Amino acid sequence: ERVFVESDESCIEALIGRARPVSEEGREVVFVTETAFVSDKLALHGYGELRMPVAFAAQEHATIAQTSAHNALFVKVSEALGLE
């Protein structure tokens, strides 16, 4: 089952805390972030994802997905605007 939440620290920690006692240690937690750059001429998206076992997952790991999404978006914007 997938549960989608916005990046709110207390909400993410609460979900992981509720899932841990009733899940196998290897159950996967997936942190996903999508970013966007929108102008009157183009719309670009960056995507970042991190998967890890629920036994080790914590809200802090969401920043890895966020950083990946921002990096992907930065590359696309740089290429589209000729800022290489």
Protein backbone atom coordinates (compact mmCIF):
# COMPACT_ATOMS: atom_id res chain seq x y z
CA GLU A 1 0.00 0.00 0.00
CA ARG A 2 1.27 3.46 -0.88
CA VAL A 3 0.76 6.47 1.36
CA PHE A 4 1.52 9.91 -0.06
CA VAL A 5 2.24 12.81 2.29
CA GLU A 6 3.71 16.25 1.99
CA SER A 7 7.10 16.77 3.58
CA ASP A 8 6.00 17.58 7.12
CA GLU A 9 8.53 16.26 9.65
CA SER A 10 6.07 15.22 12.32
CA CYS A 11 3.75 13.55 9.81
CA ILE A 12 6.55 11.54 8.18
CA GLU A 13 7.99 10.45 11.52
CA ALA A 14 4.51 9.46 12.73
CA LEU A 15 3.86 7.33 9.62
CA ILE A 16 7.20 5.57 9.89
CA GLY A 17 6.69 5.08 13.64
CA ARG A 18 3.29 3.47 13.06
CA ALA A 19 4.57 1.25 10.25
CA ARG A 20 7.68 -0.04 12.03
CA PRO A 21 6.03 -2.27 14.69
CA VAL A 22 3.67 -3.95 12.21
CA SER A 23 6.11 -4.33 9.29
CA GLU A 24 8.85 -6.72 8.38
CA GLU A 25 12.28 -5.10 8.75
CA GLY A 26 12.80 -5.21 4.99
CA ARG A 27 9.58 -3.34 4.17
CA GLU A 28 10.48 -0.52 1.86
CA VAL A 29 9.95 3.15 2.58
CA VAL A 30 10.10 5.33 -0.54
CA PHE A 31 10.88 9.02 -0.27
CA VAL A 32 9.90 10.85 -3.48
CA THR A 33 10.28 14.49 -4.46
CA GLU A 34 9.38 16.26 -7.70
CA THR A 35 10.41 19.83 -8.41
CA ALA A 36 9.38 22.17 -11.21
CA PHE A 37 10.58 25.22 -13.10
CA VAL A 38 7.81 26.97 -15.00
CA SER A 39 8.07 30.04 -17.18
CA ASP A 40 5.99 31.40 -20.01
CA LYS A 41 8.17 29.42 -22.46
CA LEU A 42 8.91 26.13 -20.73
CA ALA A 43 8.06 23.79 -17.91
CA LEU A 44 10.73 21.43 -16.57
CA HIS A 45 10.60 18.83 -13.84
CA GLY A 46 13.20 17.17 -11.63
CA TYR A 47 12.59 13.86 -9.88
CA GLY A 48 14.34 12.34 -6.87
CA GLU A 49 13.73 9.09 -5.04
CA LEU A 50 15.26 7.14 -2.16
CA ARG A 51 14.22 3.64 -1.11
CA MET A 52 15.27 2.09 2.17
CA PRO A 53 14.10 -0.47 4.75
CA VAL A 54 11.58 0.79 7.30
CA ALA A 55 13.93 -0.37 10.08
CA PHE A 56 16.39 2.41 9.15
CA ALA A 57 14.09 5.07 7.66
CA ALA A 58 13.74 8.51 9.24
CA GLN A 59 12.42 11.87 8.11
CA GLU A 60 15.96 13.13 7.54
CA HIS A 61 16.27 10.74 4.59
CA ALA A 62 13.67 12.76 2.69
CA THR A 63 16.36 15.38 2.06
CA ILE A 64 18.24 12.89 -0.15
CA ALA A 65 15.25 12.64 -2.50
CA GLN A 66 14.82 16.42 -2.36
CA THR A 67 18.47 17.04 -3.23
CA SER A 68 18.31 14.58 -6.12
CA ALA A 69 15.22 16.28 -7.52
CA HIS A 70 16.77 19.74 -7.22
CA ASN A 71 19.99 18.56 -8.88
CA ALA A 72 18.05 16.97 -11.75
CA LEU A 73 16.03 20.15 -12.23
CA PHE A 74 19.13 22.34 -12.10
CA VAL A 75 20.74 20.33 -14.91
CA LYS A 76 17.60 20.54 -17.07
CA VAL A 77 17.18 24.31 -16.50
CA SER A 78 20.88 24.93 -17.18
CA GLU A 79 20.75 22.99 -20.45
CA ALA A 80 17.46 24.56 -21.57
CA LEU A 81 18.69 28.10 -20.90
CA GLY A 82 22.19 27.49 -22.27
CA LEU A 83 23.87 28.02 -18.89
CA GLU A 84 26.23 25.05 -19.16
